[in-house]
PDB file of N, CA and C in Angstrom:
ATOM      1  N   UNK A   1     -68.713 -32.347  -5.378  1.00  0.00           N
ATOM      2  CA  UNK A   1     -68.042 -31.037  -5.132  1.00  0.00           C
ATOM      3  C   UNK A   1     -67.315 -30.662  -6.524  1.00  0.00           C
ATOM      4  N   UNK A   2     -67.580 -29.372  -6.932  1.00  0.00           N
ATOM      5  CA  UNK A   2     -66.861 -28.976  -8.259  1.00  0.00           C
ATOM      6  C   UNK A   2     -65.570 -28.485  -7.980  1.00  0.00           C
ATOM      7  N   UNK A   3     -64.454 -29.133  -8.502  1.00  0.00           N
ATOM      8  CA  UNK A   3     -63.040 -28.794  -8.297  1.00  0.00           C
ATOM      9  C   UNK A   3     -62.303 -28.286  -9.478  1.00  0.00           C
ATOM     10  N   UNK A   4     -62.890 -28.171 -10.493  1.00  0.00           N
ATOM     11  CA  UNK A   4     -62.286 -27.533 -11.704  1.00  0.00           C
ATOM     12  C   UNK A   4     -62.227 -26.081 -11.601  1.00  0.00           C
ATOM     13  N   UNK A   5     -60.992 -25.471 -11.870  1.00  0.00           N
ATOM     14  CA  UNK A   5     -60.825 -24.200 -11.678  1.00  0.00           C
ATOM     15  C   UNK A   5     -61.389 -23.424 -12.943  1.00  0.00           C
ATOM     16  N   UNK A   6     -61.901 -22.175 -12.566  1.00  0.00           N
ATOM     17  CA  UNK A   6     -62.492 -21.202 -13.508  1.00  0.00           C
ATOM     18  C   UNK A   6     -61.297 -20.429 -14.080  1.00  0.00           C
ATOM     19  N   UNK A   7     -60.965 -20.655 -15.364  1.00  0.00           N
ATOM     20  CA  UNK A   7     -59.775 -19.949 -15.993  1.00  0.00           C
ATOM     21  C   UNK A   7     -59.989 -18.562 -16.211  1.00  0.00           C
ATOM     22  N   UNK A   8     -61.173 -18.015 -15.889  1.00  0.00           N
ATOM     23  CA  UNK A   8     -61.466 -16.555 -16.115  1.00  0.00           C
ATOM     24  C   UNK A   8     -61.121 -15.852 -14.767  1.00  0.00           C
ATOM     25  N   UNK A   9     -61.247 -16.531 -13.696  1.00  0.00           N
ATOM     26  CA  UNK A   9     -60.914 -15.911 -12.504  1.00  0.00           C
ATOM     27  C   UNK A   9     -59.249 -15.724 -12.000  1.00  0.00           C
ATOM     28  N   UNK A  10     -59.081 -14.504 -11.878  1.00  0.00           N
ATOM     29  CA  UNK A  10     -57.472 -14.406 -11.541  1.00  0.00           C
ATOM     30  C   UNK A  10     -57.402 -13.397 -10.538  1.00  0.00           C
ATOM     31  N   UNK A  11     -56.267 -13.517  -9.795  1.00  0.00           N
ATOM     32  CA  UNK A  11     -56.035 -12.765  -8.623  1.00  0.00           C
ATOM     33  C   UNK A  11     -55.357 -11.242  -9.266  1.00  0.00           C
ATOM     34  N   UNK A  12     -55.766 -10.285  -8.833  1.00  0.00           N
ATOM     35  CA  UNK A  12     -55.297  -8.975  -9.297  1.00  0.00           C
ATOM     36  C   UNK A  12     -53.923  -8.852  -9.192  1.00  0.00           C
ATOM     37  N   UNK A  13     -53.221  -9.646  -7.982  1.00  0.00           N
ATOM     38  CA  UNK A  13     -51.811  -9.510  -7.747  1.00  0.00           C
ATOM     39  C   UNK A  13     -50.970 -10.183  -8.947  1.00  0.00           C
ATOM     40  N   UNK A  14     -51.530 -10.991  -9.597  1.00  0.00           N
ATOM     41  CA  UNK A  14     -50.923 -11.634 -10.765  1.00  0.00           C
ATOM     42  C   UNK A  14     -50.510 -10.517 -11.869  1.00  0.00           C
ATOM     43  N   UNK A  15     -51.247  -9.466 -11.726  1.00  0.00           N
ATOM     44  CA  UNK A  15     -50.821  -8.378 -12.848  1.00  0.00           C
ATOM     45  C   UNK A  15     -49.485  -7.548 -12.435  1.00  0.00           C
ATOM     46  N   UNK A  16     -49.120  -7.821 -11.203  1.00  0.00           N
ATOM     47  CA  UNK A  16     -47.785  -7.000 -10.787  1.00  0.00           C
ATOM     48  C   UNK A  16     -46.682  -7.362 -11.810  1.00  0.00           C
ATOM     49  N   UNK A  17     -46.076  -6.382 -12.197  1.00  0.00           N
ATOM     50  CA  UNK A  17     -45.083  -6.540 -13.309  1.00  0.00           C
ATOM     51  C   UNK A  17     -45.440  -6.538 -14.623  1.00  0.00           C
ATOM     52  N   UNK A  18     -46.694  -6.573 -14.933  1.00  0.00           N
ATOM     53  CA  UNK A  18     -47.281  -6.265 -16.349  1.00  0.00           C
ATOM     54  C   UNK A  18     -46.850  -4.971 -16.791  1.00  0.00           C
ATOM     55  N   UNK A  19     -46.596  -4.743 -18.201  1.00  0.00           N
ATOM     56  CA  UNK A  19     -46.489  -3.485 -18.616  1.00  0.00           C
ATOM     57  C   UNK A  19     -47.764  -2.634 -18.836  1.00  0.00           C
ATOM     58  N   UNK A  20     -47.702  -1.341 -18.720  1.00  0.00           N
ATOM     59  CA  UNK A  20     -48.857  -0.589 -18.714  1.00  0.00           C
ATOM     60  C   UNK A  20     -48.699   0.365 -19.903  1.00  0.00           C
ATOM     61  N   UNK A  21     -49.714   0.243 -20.776  1.00  0.00           N
ATOM     62  CA  UNK A  21     -49.584   1.082 -22.049  1.00  0.00           C
ATOM     63  C   UNK A  21     -50.906   2.034 -22.167  1.00  0.00           C
ATOM     64  N   UNK A  22     -50.388   3.208 -22.418  1.00  0.00           N
ATOM     65  CA  UNK A  22     -51.438   4.325 -22.965  1.00  0.00           C
ATOM     66  C   UNK A  22     -51.634   3.799 -24.406  1.00  0.00           C
ATOM     67  N   UNK A  23     -52.748   4.622 -24.927  1.00  0.00           N
ATOM     68  CA  UNK A  23     -53.105   4.329 -26.242  1.00  0.00           C
ATOM     69  C   UNK A  23     -51.971   4.712 -27.435  1.00  0.00           C
ATOM     70  N   UNK A  24     -51.042   5.417 -26.986  1.00  0.00           N
ATOM     71  CA  UNK A  24     -49.857   5.621 -27.851  1.00  0.00           C
ATOM     72  C   UNK A  24     -48.508   5.280 -27.646  1.00  0.00           C
ATOM     73  N   UNK A  25     -48.285   4.831 -26.242  1.00  0.00           N
ATOM     74  CA  UNK A  25     -47.006   4.260 -26.043  1.00  0.00           C
ATOM     75  C   UNK A  25     -47.100   3.600 -24.687  1.00  0.00           C
ATOM     76  N   UNK A  26     -45.769   3.017 -24.306  1.00  0.00           N
ATOM     77  CA  UNK A  26     -45.808   2.312 -22.979  1.00  0.00           C
ATOM     78  C   UNK A  26     -45.551   3.310 -21.865  1.00  0.00           C
ATOM     79  N   UNK A  27     -46.184   3.115 -20.684  1.00  0.00           N
ATOM     80  CA  UNK A  27     -46.042   4.056 -19.500  1.00  0.00           C
ATOM     81  C   UNK A  27     -44.920   3.533 -18.712  1.00  0.00           C
ATOM     82  N   UNK A  28     -45.102   2.265 -18.287  1.00  0.00           N
ATOM     83  CA  UNK A  28     -44.181   1.596 -17.444  1.00  0.00           C
ATOM     84  C   UNK A  28     -44.666   0.247 -16.910  1.00  0.00           C
ATOM     85  N   UNK A  29     -44.146  -0.140 -15.704  1.00  0.00           N
ATOM     86  CA  UNK A  29     -44.565  -1.371 -15.115  1.00  0.00           C
ATOM     87  C   UNK A  29     -45.642  -1.229 -13.914  1.00  0.00           C
ATOM     88  N   UNK A  30     -46.482  -2.203 -13.813  1.00  0.00           N
ATOM     89  CA  UNK A  30     -47.406  -2.217 -12.652  1.00  0.00           C
ATOM     90  C   UNK A  30     -46.626  -2.889 -11.496  1.00  0.00           C
ATOM     91  N   UNK A  31     -46.534  -1.939 -10.463  1.00  0.00           N
ATOM     92  CA  UNK A  31     -45.931  -2.305  -9.150  1.00  0.00           C
ATOM     93  C   UNK A  31     -46.841  -2.731  -7.987  1.00  0.00           C
ATOM     94  N   UNK A  32     -48.147  -2.183  -8.065  1.00  0.00           N
ATOM     95  CA  UNK A  32     -49.018  -2.546  -7.100  1.00  0.00           C
ATOM     96  C   UNK A  32     -50.113  -1.919  -7.158  1.00  0.00           C
ATOM     97  N   UNK A  33     -51.065  -1.721  -6.112  1.00  0.00           N
ATOM     98  CA  UNK A  33     -52.303  -1.240  -6.152  1.00  0.00           C
ATOM     99  C   UNK A  33     -52.630  -0.257  -4.856  1.00  0.00           C
ATOM    100  N   UNK A  34     -53.508   0.542  -5.074  1.00  0.00           N
ATOM    101  CA  UNK A  34     -54.035   1.260  -3.839  1.00  0.00           C
ATOM    102  C   UNK A  34     -55.546   0.799  -3.620  1.00  0.00           C
ATOM    103  N   UNK A  35     -55.844   0.159  -2.555  1.00  0.00           N
ATOM    104  CA  UNK A  35     -57.067  -0.493  -2.258  1.00  0.00           C
ATOM    105  C   UNK A  35     -57.715   0.045  -1.056  1.00  0.00           C
ATOM    106  N   UNK A  36     -58.872   0.398  -0.996  1.00  0.00           N
ATOM    107  CA  UNK A  36     -59.678   0.926   0.145  1.00  0.00           C
ATOM    108  C   UNK A  36     -59.926  -0.362   0.963  1.00  0.00           C
ATOM    109  N   UNK A  37     -59.207  -0.476   2.131  1.00  0.00           N
ATOM    110  CA  UNK A  37     -59.452  -1.638   2.946  1.00  0.00           C
ATOM    111  C   UNK A  37     -60.883  -1.872   3.563  1.00  0.00           C
ATOM    112  N   UNK A  38     -61.558  -0.776   3.716  1.00  0.00           N
ATOM    113  CA  UNK A  38     -62.979  -0.836   4.204  1.00  0.00           C
ATOM    114  C   UNK A  38     -63.871  -1.374   3.181  1.00  0.00           C
ATOM    115  N   UNK A  39     -63.697  -0.928   1.877  1.00  0.00           N
ATOM    116  CA  UNK A  39     -64.717  -1.291   0.937  1.00  0.00           C
ATOM    117  C   UNK A  39     -64.216  -2.281  -0.116  1.00  0.00           C
ATOM    118  N   UNK A  40     -62.922  -2.446  -0.047  1.00  0.00           N
ATOM    119  CA  UNK A  40     -62.223  -3.370  -1.174  1.00  0.00           C
ATOM    120  C   UNK A  40     -62.188  -2.751  -2.519  1.00  0.00           C
ATOM    121  N   UNK A  41     -62.416  -1.480  -2.617  1.00  0.00           N
ATOM    122  CA  UNK A  41     -62.493  -0.882  -3.851  1.00  0.00           C
ATOM    123  C   UNK A  41     -60.961  -0.721  -4.250  1.00  0.00           C
ATOM    124  N   UNK A  42     -60.843  -1.099  -5.519  1.00  0.00           N
ATOM    125  CA  UNK A  42     -59.457  -1.022  -6.221  1.00  0.00           C
ATOM    126  C   UNK A  42     -59.427   0.196  -6.943  1.00  0.00           C
ATOM    127  N   UNK A  43     -58.786   1.322  -6.306  1.00  0.00           N
ATOM    128  CA  UNK A  43     -58.900   2.617  -6.799  1.00  0.00           C
ATOM    129  C   UNK A  43     -57.868   2.996  -7.923  1.00  0.00           C
ATOM    130  N   UNK A  44     -56.706   2.600  -7.640  1.00  0.00           N
ATOM    131  CA  UNK A  44     -55.503   3.072  -8.369  1.00  0.00           C
ATOM    132  C   UNK A  44     -54.477   1.965  -8.620  1.00  0.00           C
ATOM    133  N   UNK A  45     -53.804   2.057  -9.938  1.00  0.00           N
ATOM    134  CA  UNK A  45     -52.692   1.263 -10.118  1.00  0.00           C
ATOM    135  C   UNK A  45     -51.422   2.041  -9.761  1.00  0.00           C
ATOM    136  N   UNK A  46     -50.488   1.400  -9.052  1.00  0.00           N
ATOM    137  CA  UNK A  46     -49.261   1.926  -8.718  1.00  0.00           C
ATOM    138  C   UNK A  46     -48.332   1.658  -9.988  1.00  0.00           C
ATOM    139  N   UNK A  47     -47.927   2.603 -10.771  1.00  0.00           N
ATOM    140  CA  UNK A  47     -47.121   2.342 -11.999  1.00  0.00           C
ATOM    141  C   UNK A  47     -45.762   2.883 -11.865  1.00  0.00           C
ATOM    142  N   UNK A  48     -44.701   2.190 -11.986  1.00  0.00           N
ATOM    143  CA  UNK A  48     -43.249   2.746 -12.100  1.00  0.00           C
ATOM    144  C   UNK A  48     -43.020   3.058 -13.605  1.00  0.00           C
ATOM    145  N   UNK A  49     -42.715   4.449 -13.768  1.00  0.00           N
ATOM    146  CA  UNK A  49     -42.468   4.892 -15.045  1.00  0.00           C
ATOM    147  C   UNK A  49     -40.933   5.266 -15.138  1.00  0.00           C
ATOM    148  N   UNK A  50     -40.385   5.041 -16.433  1.00  0.00           N
ATOM    149  CA  UNK A  50     -38.996   5.475 -16.365  1.00  0.00           C
ATOM    150  C   UNK A  50     -38.124   4.315 -16.371  1.00  0.00           C
ATOM    151  N   UNK A  51     -36.807   4.591 -16.589  1.00  0.00           N
ATOM    152  CA  UNK A  51     -35.831   3.560 -16.399  1.00  0.00           C
ATOM    153  C   UNK A  51     -35.342   3.289 -14.869  1.00  0.00           C
ATOM    154  N   UNK A  52     -34.520   2.488 -14.598  1.00  0.00           N
ATOM    155  CA  UNK A  52     -34.094   2.342 -13.157  1.00  0.00           C
ATOM    156  C   UNK A  52     -33.410   3.412 -12.520  1.00  0.00           C
ATOM    157  N   UNK A  53     -32.825   4.247 -13.196  1.00  0.00           N
ATOM    158  CA  UNK A  53     -32.070   5.446 -12.760  1.00  0.00           C
ATOM    159  C   UNK A  53     -32.942   6.586 -12.558  1.00  0.00           C
ATOM    160  N   UNK A  54     -33.883   6.854 -13.416  1.00  0.00           N
ATOM    161  CA  UNK A  54     -34.821   7.925 -13.390  1.00  0.00           C
ATOM    162  C   UNK A  54     -36.312   7.524 -13.322  1.00  0.00           C
ATOM    163  N   UNK A  55     -36.666   6.611 -12.573  1.00  0.00           N
ATOM    164  CA  UNK A  55     -38.000   6.108 -12.472  1.00  0.00           C
ATOM    165  C   UNK A  55     -38.723   7.097 -11.396  1.00  0.00           C
ATOM    166  N   UNK A  56     -39.989   6.998 -11.650  1.00  0.00           N
ATOM    167  CA  UNK A  56     -40.918   7.625 -10.750  1.00  0.00           C
ATOM    168  C   UNK A  56     -42.123   6.944 -10.727  1.00  0.00           C
ATOM    169  N   UNK A  57     -42.839   6.927  -9.509  1.00  0.00           N
ATOM    170  CA  UNK A  57     -44.141   6.272  -9.303  1.00  0.00           C
ATOM    171  C   UNK A  57     -45.379   7.138  -9.809  1.00  0.00           C
ATOM    172  N   UNK A  58     -46.190   6.571 -10.343  1.00  0.00           N
ATOM    173  CA  UNK A  58     -47.497   7.391 -10.689  1.00  0.00           C
ATOM    174  C   UNK A  58     -48.676   6.524 -10.411  1.00  0.00           C
ATOM    175  N   UNK A  59     -49.754   7.169  -9.829  1.00  0.00           N
ATOM    176  CA  UNK A  59     -51.079   6.464  -9.651  1.00  0.00           C
ATOM    177  C   UNK A  59     -51.955   6.671 -10.707  1.00  0.00           C
ATOM    178  N   UNK A  60     -52.404   5.719 -11.360  1.00  0.00           N
ATOM    179  CA  UNK A  60     -53.466   5.719 -12.500  1.00  0.00           C
ATOM    180  C   UNK A  60     -54.744   5.116 -12.005  1.00  0.00           C
ATOM    181  N   UNK A  61     -55.817   5.857 -12.158  1.00  0.00           N
ATOM    182  CA  UNK A  61     -57.190   5.390 -11.656  1.00  0.00           C
ATOM    183  C   UNK A  61     -57.457   4.186 -12.560  1.00  0.00           C
ATOM    184  N   UNK A  62     -58.123   3.173 -11.785  1.00  0.00           N
ATOM    185  CA  UNK A  62     -58.564   1.992 -12.460  1.00  0.00           C
ATOM    186  C   UNK A  62     -59.715   2.381 -13.369  1.00  0.00           C
ATOM    187  N   UNK A  63     -60.197   3.397 -13.252  1.00  0.00           N
ATOM    188  CA  UNK A  63     -61.399   3.776 -14.400  1.00  0.00           C
ATOM    189  C   UNK A  63     -60.608   4.021 -15.874  1.00  0.00           C
ATOM    190  N   UNK A  64     -59.393   4.167 -15.787  1.00  0.00           N
ATOM    191  CA  UNK A  64     -58.635   4.515 -17.020  1.00  0.00           C
ATOM    192  C   UNK A  64     -58.353   3.145 -17.759  1.00  0.00           C
ATOM    193  N   UNK A  65     -58.451   2.154 -17.056  1.00  0.00           N
ATOM    194  CA  UNK A  65     -58.103   0.724 -17.742  1.00  0.00           C
ATOM    195  C   UNK A  65     -59.191   0.322 -18.818  1.00  0.00           C
ATOM    196  N   UNK A  66     -58.691   0.106 -20.017  1.00  0.00           N
ATOM    197  CA  UNK A  66     -59.506  -0.245 -21.123  1.00  0.00           C
ATOM    198  C   UNK A  66     -59.595  -1.877 -20.945  1.00  0.00           C
ATOM    199  N   UNK A  67     -58.388  -2.597 -21.019  1.00  0.00           N
ATOM    200  CA  UNK A  67     -58.422  -3.948 -20.980  1.00  0.00           C
ATOM    201  C   UNK A  67     -56.973  -4.488 -20.485  1.00  0.00           C
ATOM    202  N   UNK A  68     -57.106  -5.843 -20.110  1.00  0.00           N
ATOM    203  CA  UNK A  68     -55.933  -6.525 -19.600  1.00  0.00           C
ATOM    204  C   UNK A  68     -55.576  -7.719 -20.597  1.00  0.00           C
ATOM    205  N   UNK A  69     -54.505  -7.833 -21.142  1.00  0.00           N
ATOM    206  CA  UNK A  69     -54.069  -8.916 -21.971  1.00  0.00           C
ATOM    207  C   UNK A  69     -53.184  -9.842 -21.003  1.00  0.00           C
ATOM    208  N   UNK A  70     -53.784 -10.959 -20.710  1.00  0.00           N
ATOM    209  CA  UNK A  70     -53.149 -12.035 -19.956  1.00  0.00           C
ATOM    210  C   UNK A  70     -52.038 -12.558 -20.841  1.00  0.00           C
ATOM    211  N   UNK A  71     -52.144 -12.782 -22.164  1.00  0.00           N
ATOM    212  CA  UNK A  71     -51.246 -13.421 -22.913  1.00  0.00           C
ATOM    213  C   UNK A  71     -49.894 -12.512 -23.132  1.00  0.00           C
ATOM    214  N   UNK A  72     -50.121 -11.310 -23.229  1.00  0.00           N
ATOM    215  CA  UNK A  72     -49.075 -10.314 -23.431  1.00  0.00           C
ATOM    216  C   UNK A  72     -48.570  -9.797 -22.174  1.00  0.00           C
ATOM    217  N   UNK A  73     -49.301 -10.158 -21.001  1.00  0.00           N
ATOM    218  CA  UNK A  73     -48.755  -9.451 -19.744  1.00  0.00           C
ATOM    219  C   UNK A  73     -48.791  -8.015 -19.838  1.00  0.00           C
ATOM    220  N   UNK A  74     -49.943  -7.445 -20.239  1.00  0.00           N
ATOM    221  CA  UNK A  74     -50.197  -5.984 -20.453  1.00  0.00           C
ATOM    222  C   UNK A  74     -51.434  -5.493 -19.990  1.00  0.00           C
ATOM    223  N   UNK A  75     -51.396  -4.245 -19.439  1.00  0.00           N
ATOM    224  CA  UNK A  75     -52.635  -3.657 -19.162  1.00  0.00           C
ATOM    225  C   UNK A  75     -52.704  -2.426 -20.024  1.00  0.00           C
ATOM    226  N   UNK A  76     -53.791  -2.286 -20.682  1.00  0.00           N
ATOM    227  CA  UNK A  76     -54.042  -1.265 -21.802  1.00  0.00           C
ATOM    228  C   UNK A  76     -55.185  -0.168 -21.280  1.00  0.00           C
ATOM    229  N   UNK A  77     -54.503   1.040 -21.304  1.00  0.00           N
ATOM    230  CA  UNK A  77     -55.298   2.203 -20.873  1.00  0.00           C
ATOM    231  C   UNK A  77     -56.178   2.825 -22.009  1.00  0.00           C
ATOM    232  N   UNK A  78     -57.141   3.591 -21.496  1.00  0.00           N
ATOM    233  CA  UNK A  78     -57.926   4.225 -22.621  1.00  0.00           C
ATOM    234  C   UNK A  78     -57.481   5.653 -23.050  1.00  0.00           C
ATOM    235  N   UNK A  79     -56.314   6.198 -22.512  1.00  0.00           N
ATOM    236  CA  UNK A  79     -56.053   7.405 -22.695  1.00  0.00           C
ATOM    237  C   UNK A  79     -54.629   7.474 -23.342  1.00  0.00           C
ATOM    238  N   UNK A  80     -54.218   8.635 -23.812  1.00  0.00           N
ATOM    239  CA  UNK A  80     -52.919   8.899 -24.395  1.00  0.00           C
ATOM    240  C   UNK A  80     -51.857   9.164 -23.242  1.00  0.00           C
ATOM    241  N   UNK A  81     -50.656   8.932 -23.422  1.00  0.00           N
ATOM    242  CA  UNK A  81     -49.588   9.078 -22.398  1.00  0.00           C
ATOM    243  C   UNK A  81     -49.654  10.453 -21.845  1.00  0.00           C
ATOM    244  N   UNK A  82     -49.995  11.520 -22.545  1.00  0.00           N
ATOM    245  CA  UNK A  82     -50.073  12.939 -22.176  1.00  0.00           C
ATOM    246  C   UNK A  82     -51.188  13.104 -21.354  1.00  0.00           C
ATOM    247  N   UNK A  83     -52.422  12.522 -21.585  1.00  0.00           N
ATOM    248  CA  UNK A  83     -53.583  12.608 -20.721  1.00  0.00           C
ATOM    249  C   UNK A  83     -53.340  11.890 -19.290  1.00  0.00           C
ATOM    250  N   UNK A  84     -52.389  10.942 -19.232  1.00  0.00           N
ATOM    251  CA  UNK A  84     -52.228  10.127 -17.993  1.00  0.00           C
ATOM    252  C   UNK A  84     -51.369  11.086 -17.202  1.00  0.00           C
TER     253      UNK A  84
END
């Protein structure tokens, strides 16, 4: 039986708390996800933008994600902050 873990497989829930960056600046922190429970399609990231006093939640489509940096704890988007 193969017991060695695959270091490339990760739970999407491990991304919670990661910084979310547009191409030009930070957007906020990843708070959660919107998942279609029938198809298991991960459709949106729930991002908390702003500081603790003036924060707001925004939904960012997963199609906007360019990459994830596990080392930097960061989700990089393909668009500018204004376009998000």
